[in-house]
C-alpha atoms as a PDB file:
ATOM      1  CA  MET A   1     -61.278  21.910 -34.695  1.00  0.00           C
ATOM      2  CA  ARG A   2     -58.822  22.680 -37.377  1.00  0.00           C
ATOM      3  CA  ASN A   3     -58.291  26.376 -38.755  1.00  0.00           C
ATOM      4  CA  SER A   4     -59.405  26.465 -42.412  1.00  0.00           C
ATOM      5  CA  ALA A   5     -56.257  28.710 -43.162  1.00  0.00           C
ATOM      6  CA  THR A   6     -53.925  25.969 -42.403  1.00  0.00           C
ATOM      7  CA  ARG A   7     -55.628  23.355 -44.574  1.00  0.00           C
ATOM      8  CA  PRO A   8     -54.609  24.662 -47.972  1.00  0.00           C
ATOM      9  CA  LEU A   9     -50.942  24.758 -46.866  1.00  0.00           C
ATOM     10  CA  LEU A  10     -50.937  21.011 -46.417  1.00  0.00           C
ATOM     11  CA  PRO A  11     -50.750  20.234 -50.301  1.00  0.00           C
ATOM     12  CA  LEU A  12     -48.149  22.904 -50.668  1.00  0.00           C
ATOM     13  CA  LYS A  13     -45.884  21.375 -47.873  1.00  0.00           C
ATOM     14  CA  LEU A  14     -46.491  17.979 -49.262  1.00  0.00           C
ATOM     15  CA  ALA A  15     -45.590  19.066 -52.720  1.00  0.00           C
ATOM     16  CA  LEU A  16     -42.366  20.710 -51.342  1.00  0.00           C
ATOM     17  CA  ALA A  17     -41.456  17.733 -49.313  1.00  0.00           C
ATOM     18  CA  VAL A  18     -41.863  15.478 -52.567  1.00  0.00           C
ATOM     19  CA  THR A  19     -39.876  18.001 -54.600  1.00  0.00           C
ATOM     20  CA  GLY A  20     -37.071  18.404 -52.067  1.00  0.00           C
ATOM     21  CA  GLY A  21     -36.870  14.562 -51.757  1.00  0.00           C
ATOM     22  CA  MET A  22     -36.542  14.219 -55.483  1.00  0.00           C
ATOM     23  CA  LEU A  23     -33.986  17.038 -55.679  1.00  0.00           C
ATOM     24  CA  VAL A  24     -31.859  15.300 -52.844  1.00  0.00           C
ATOM     25  CA  LEU A  25     -32.266  11.918 -54.654  1.00  0.00           C
ATOM     26  CA  SER A  26     -31.114  13.296 -58.010  1.00  0.00           C
ATOM     27  CA  THR A  27     -28.115  15.300 -56.800  1.00  0.00           C
ATOM     28  CA  SER A  28     -26.920  12.878 -54.145  1.00  0.00           C
ATOM     29  CA  GLY A  29     -25.818  10.261 -56.568  1.00  0.00           C
ATOM     30  CA  CYS A  30     -28.411   7.719 -55.520  1.00  0.00           C
ATOM     31  CA  ALA A  31     -27.427   4.666 -57.756  1.00  0.00           C
ATOM     32  CA  ALA A  32     -31.026   3.668 -58.587  1.00  0.00           C
ATOM     33  CA  ALA A  33     -32.122   7.087 -59.661  1.00  0.00           C
ATOM     34  CA  ARG A  34     -28.957   7.486 -61.865  1.00  0.00           C
ATOM     35  CA  ALA A  35     -29.429   4.153 -63.410  1.00  0.00           C
ATOM     36  CA  GLY A  36     -33.058   4.930 -64.113  1.00  0.00           C
ATOM     37  CA  TYR A  37     -32.079   8.285 -65.775  1.00  0.00           C
ATOM     38  CA  PHE A  38     -29.360   6.497 -67.996  1.00  0.00           C
ATOM     39  CA  LEU A  39     -32.164   3.908 -68.926  1.00  0.00           C
ATOM     40  CA  VAL A  40     -34.417   6.272 -70.106  1.00  0.00           C
ATOM     41  CA  ASN A  41     -31.953   8.223 -71.969  1.00  0.00           C
ATOM     42  CA  ALA A  42     -30.503   4.982 -73.637  1.00  0.00           C
ATOM     43  CA  GLU A  43     -34.106   3.891 -74.627  1.00  0.00           C
ATOM     44  CA  ARG A  44     -34.931   7.334 -76.247  1.00  0.00           C
ATOM     45  CA  LYS A  45     -31.607   7.337 -78.226  1.00  0.00           C
ATOM     46  CA  TYR A  46     -32.081   3.679 -79.274  1.00  0.00           C
ATOM     47  CA  HIS A  47     -35.740   4.332 -80.516  1.00  0.00           C
ATOM     48  CA  SER A  48     -34.753   7.537 -82.202  1.00  0.00           C
ATOM     49  CA  ALA A  49     -32.027   5.497 -84.276  1.00  0.00           C
ATOM     50  CA  LEU A  50     -34.647   2.896 -85.142  1.00  0.00           C
ATOM     51  CA  GLU A  51     -37.126   5.562 -86.328  1.00  0.00           C
ATOM     52  CA  GLN A  52     -34.407   7.101 -88.676  1.00  0.00           C
ATOM     53  CA  GLY A  53     -33.920   3.656 -90.379  1.00  0.00           C
ATOM     54  CA  ALA A  54     -30.771   2.703 -88.608  1.00  0.00           C
ATOM     55  CA  GLU A  55     -32.085  -0.947 -88.327  1.00  0.00           C
ATOM     56  CA  ASP A  56     -31.779  -1.283 -92.134  1.00  0.00           C
ATOM     57  CA  ARG A  57     -28.781   1.002 -92.963  1.00  0.00           C
ATOM     58  CA  ALA A  58     -26.596   0.342 -89.783  1.00  0.00           C
ATOM     59  CA  PRO A  59     -27.813  -3.157 -88.676  1.00  0.00           C
ATOM     60  CA  TYR A  60     -24.610  -3.932 -86.682  1.00  0.00           C
ATOM     61  CA  GLU A  61     -24.721  -0.806 -84.678  1.00  0.00           C
ATOM     62  CA  ALA A  62     -28.443  -0.904 -84.101  1.00  0.00           C
ATOM     63  CA  ALA A  63     -28.238  -4.597 -83.014  1.00  0.00           C
ATOM     64  CA  LEU A  64     -25.425  -4.010 -80.668  1.00  0.00           C
ATOM     65  CA  ALA A  65     -27.152  -0.828 -79.277  1.00  0.00           C
ATOM     66  CA  GLY A  66     -30.219  -3.079 -78.497  1.00  0.00           C
ATOM     67  CA  ALA A  67     -28.385  -5.796 -77.061  1.00  0.00           C
ATOM     68  CA  TYR A  68     -26.798  -3.419 -74.711  1.00  0.00           C
ATOM     69  CA  LEU A  69     -29.906  -1.857 -73.693  1.00  0.00           C
ATOM     70  CA  GLU A  70     -31.575  -5.190 -72.957  1.00  0.00           C
ATOM     71  CA  LYS A  71     -28.483  -6.364 -70.855  1.00  0.00           C
ATOM     72  CA  ALA A  72     -28.731  -3.056 -68.935  1.00  0.00           C
ATOM     73  CA  LYS A  73     -32.395  -3.637 -68.246  1.00  0.00           C
ATOM     74  CA  GLU A  74     -31.485  -7.070 -66.967  1.00  0.00           C
ATOM     75  CA  GLU A  75     -28.828  -5.766 -64.722  1.00  0.00           C
ATOM     76  CA  ASP A  76     -31.151  -3.203 -63.510  1.00  0.00           C
ATOM     77  CA  GLY A  77     -33.544  -5.865 -62.506  1.00  0.00           C
ATOM     78  CA  TYR A  78     -30.631  -7.380 -60.373  1.00  0.00           C
ATOM     79  CA  CYS A  79     -29.900  -3.975 -58.724  1.00  0.00           C
ATOM     80  CA  ASP A  80     -26.573  -3.809 -60.254  1.00  0.00           C
ATOM     81  CA  PHE A  81     -26.705  -0.127 -60.851  1.00  0.00           C
ATOM     82  CA  GLY A  82     -23.127   0.662 -61.703  1.00  0.00           C
ATOM     83  CA  VAL A  83     -23.181  -2.149 -64.563  1.00  0.00           C
ATOM     84  CA  THR A  84     -26.509  -0.825 -65.699  1.00  0.00           C
ATOM     85  CA  GLU A  85     -25.021   2.708 -66.090  1.00  0.00           C
ATOM     86  CA  LYS A  86     -21.970   1.409 -68.018  1.00  0.00           C
ATOM     87  CA  LEU A  87     -24.189  -0.522 -70.422  1.00  0.00           C
ATOM     88  CA  CYS A  88     -26.455   2.207 -71.062  1.00  0.00           C
ATOM     89  CA  LYS A  89     -23.620   4.453 -71.910  1.00  0.00           C
ATOM     90  CA  ARG A  90     -22.387   1.929 -74.420  1.00  0.00           C
ATOM     91  CA  SER A  91     -26.085   1.582 -75.852  1.00  0.00           C
ATOM     92  CA  MET A  92     -26.094   5.326 -76.281  1.00  0.00           C
ATOM     93  CA  GLU A  93     -22.865   5.273 -78.064  1.00  0.00           C
ATOM     94  CA  MET A  94     -23.732   2.716 -80.482  1.00  0.00           C
ATOM     95  CA  SER A  95     -27.187   4.324 -81.084  1.00  0.00           C
ATOM     96  CA  ALA A  96     -25.484   7.542 -81.943  1.00  0.00           C
ATOM     97  CA  LYS A  97     -23.072   5.504 -84.265  1.00  0.00           C
ATOM     98  CA  ALA A  98     -26.058   3.888 -85.857  1.00  0.00           C
ATOM     99  CA  LEU A  99     -27.911   7.198 -86.266  1.00  0.00           C
ATOM    100  CA  THR A 100     -24.800   8.942 -87.788  1.00  0.00           C
ATOM    101  CA  ARG A 101     -24.203   5.812 -90.257  1.00  0.00           C
ATOM    102  CA  SER A 102     -27.705   5.842 -91.182  1.00  0.00           C
ATOM    103  CA  GLU A 103     -27.909   9.495 -92.050  1.00  0.00           C
ATOM    104  CA  ASP A 104     -24.528   9.288 -93.811  1.00  0.00           C
ATOM    105  CA  LEU A 105     -25.950   6.538 -96.078  1.00  0.00           C
ATOM    106  CA  THR A 106     -29.048   8.368 -96.565  1.00  0.00           C
ATOM    107  CA  ASN A 107     -27.523  11.525 -97.482  1.00  0.00           C
ATOM    108  CA  GLY A 108     -24.396  10.474 -99.253  1.00  0.00           C
ATOM    109  CA  GLN A 109     -25.546   7.223-101.137  1.00  0.00           C
ATOM    110  CA  ASN A 110     -29.292   8.138-101.500  1.00  0.00           C
ATOM    111  CA  GLY A 111     -30.343   5.384 -99.139  1.00  0.00           C
ATOM    112  CA  GLU A 112     -28.660   3.032-101.409  1.00  0.00           C
ATOM    113  CA  LYS A 113     -28.064  -0.536 -99.517  1.00  0.00           C
ATOM    114  CA  PHE A 114     -24.703  -1.891-100.138  1.00  0.00           C
ATOM    115  CA  VAL A 115     -21.730  -3.470 -98.361  1.00  0.00           C
ATOM    116  CA  PRO A 116     -18.633  -1.359 -99.133  1.00  0.00           C
ATOM    117  CA  GLU A 117     -16.463  -4.638 -99.795  1.00  0.00           C
ATOM    118  CA  GLU A 118     -19.052  -5.979-102.367  1.00  0.00           C
ATOM    119  CA  ARG A 119     -19.160  -2.726-104.411  1.00  0.00           C
ATOM    120  CA  GLU A 120     -17.795  -3.267-107.764  1.00  0.00           C
ATOM    121  CA  LYS A 121     -14.609  -1.292-108.438  1.00  0.00           C
ATOM    122  CA  GLU A 122     -14.527   0.778-111.606  1.00  0.00           C
ATOM    123  CA  PRO A 123     -11.934  -0.542-114.031  1.00  0.00           C
ATOM    124  CA  GLU A 124      -8.872   1.796-114.477  1.00  0.00           C
ATOM    125  CA  LYS A 125      -8.633   3.388-117.883  1.00  0.00           C
ATOM    126  CA  PRO A 126      -5.322   2.323-119.484  1.00  0.00           C
ATOM    127  CA  ALA A 127      -2.869   5.124-119.666  1.00  0.00           C
ATOM    128  CA  GLU A 128      -2.406   6.787-122.984  1.00  0.00           C
ATOM    129  CA  PRO A 129       1.011   6.351-124.527  1.00  0.00           C
ATOM    130  CA  ALA A 130       3.093   9.220-124.493  1.00  0.00           C
ATOM    131  CA  PRO A 131       3.278  10.975-127.966  1.00  0.00           C
ATOM    132  CA  ASP A 132       6.439   9.831-129.999  1.00  0.00           C
ATOM    133  CA  LEU A 133       8.803  12.687-129.902  1.00  0.00           C
ATOM    134  CA  ASP A 134      11.859  12.212-132.205  1.00  0.00           C
ATOM    135  CA  ILE A 135      13.797  15.352-131.880  1.00  0.00           C
ATOM    136  CA  ASP A 136      16.851  15.583-133.990  1.00  0.00           C
ATOM    137  CA  LEU A 137      19.415  17.918-132.389  1.00  0.00           C
ATOM    138  CA  ASP A 138      21.465  18.055-135.445  1.00  0.00           C
ATOM    139  CA  ASP A 139      18.808  19.970-137.566  1.00  0.00           C
ATOM    140  CA  PRO A 140      18.859  23.648-137.238  1.00  0.00           C
END
């Protein structure tokens, strides 16, 4: 018969074993764990940028971030974890650029949608003619 005092230690030992295993996996550089970590972070940054309106204000950056993220998920499915990590890093970079551009347009241009090349330039004012100064040096 088992001693009732050792019974409560079993869940504690199991919890310590699982925690230790997770610690070893996360610090040992396990490729699958690292790829999963990068996928989660890339997904969060991408959705954060979309929530801030990056899809409307920075469509190029947002679309590229989404494409990198989708490709990273595909490569993760093929267990190509090194490529997954690189694609996730690029997705996070593009998400950050999209978020920054979106915030810049919101703060600087009041959310106005425009393409900089299409913005009309203000016509330059003609220079005022210099006053006609006829100075006669012979007059005292």
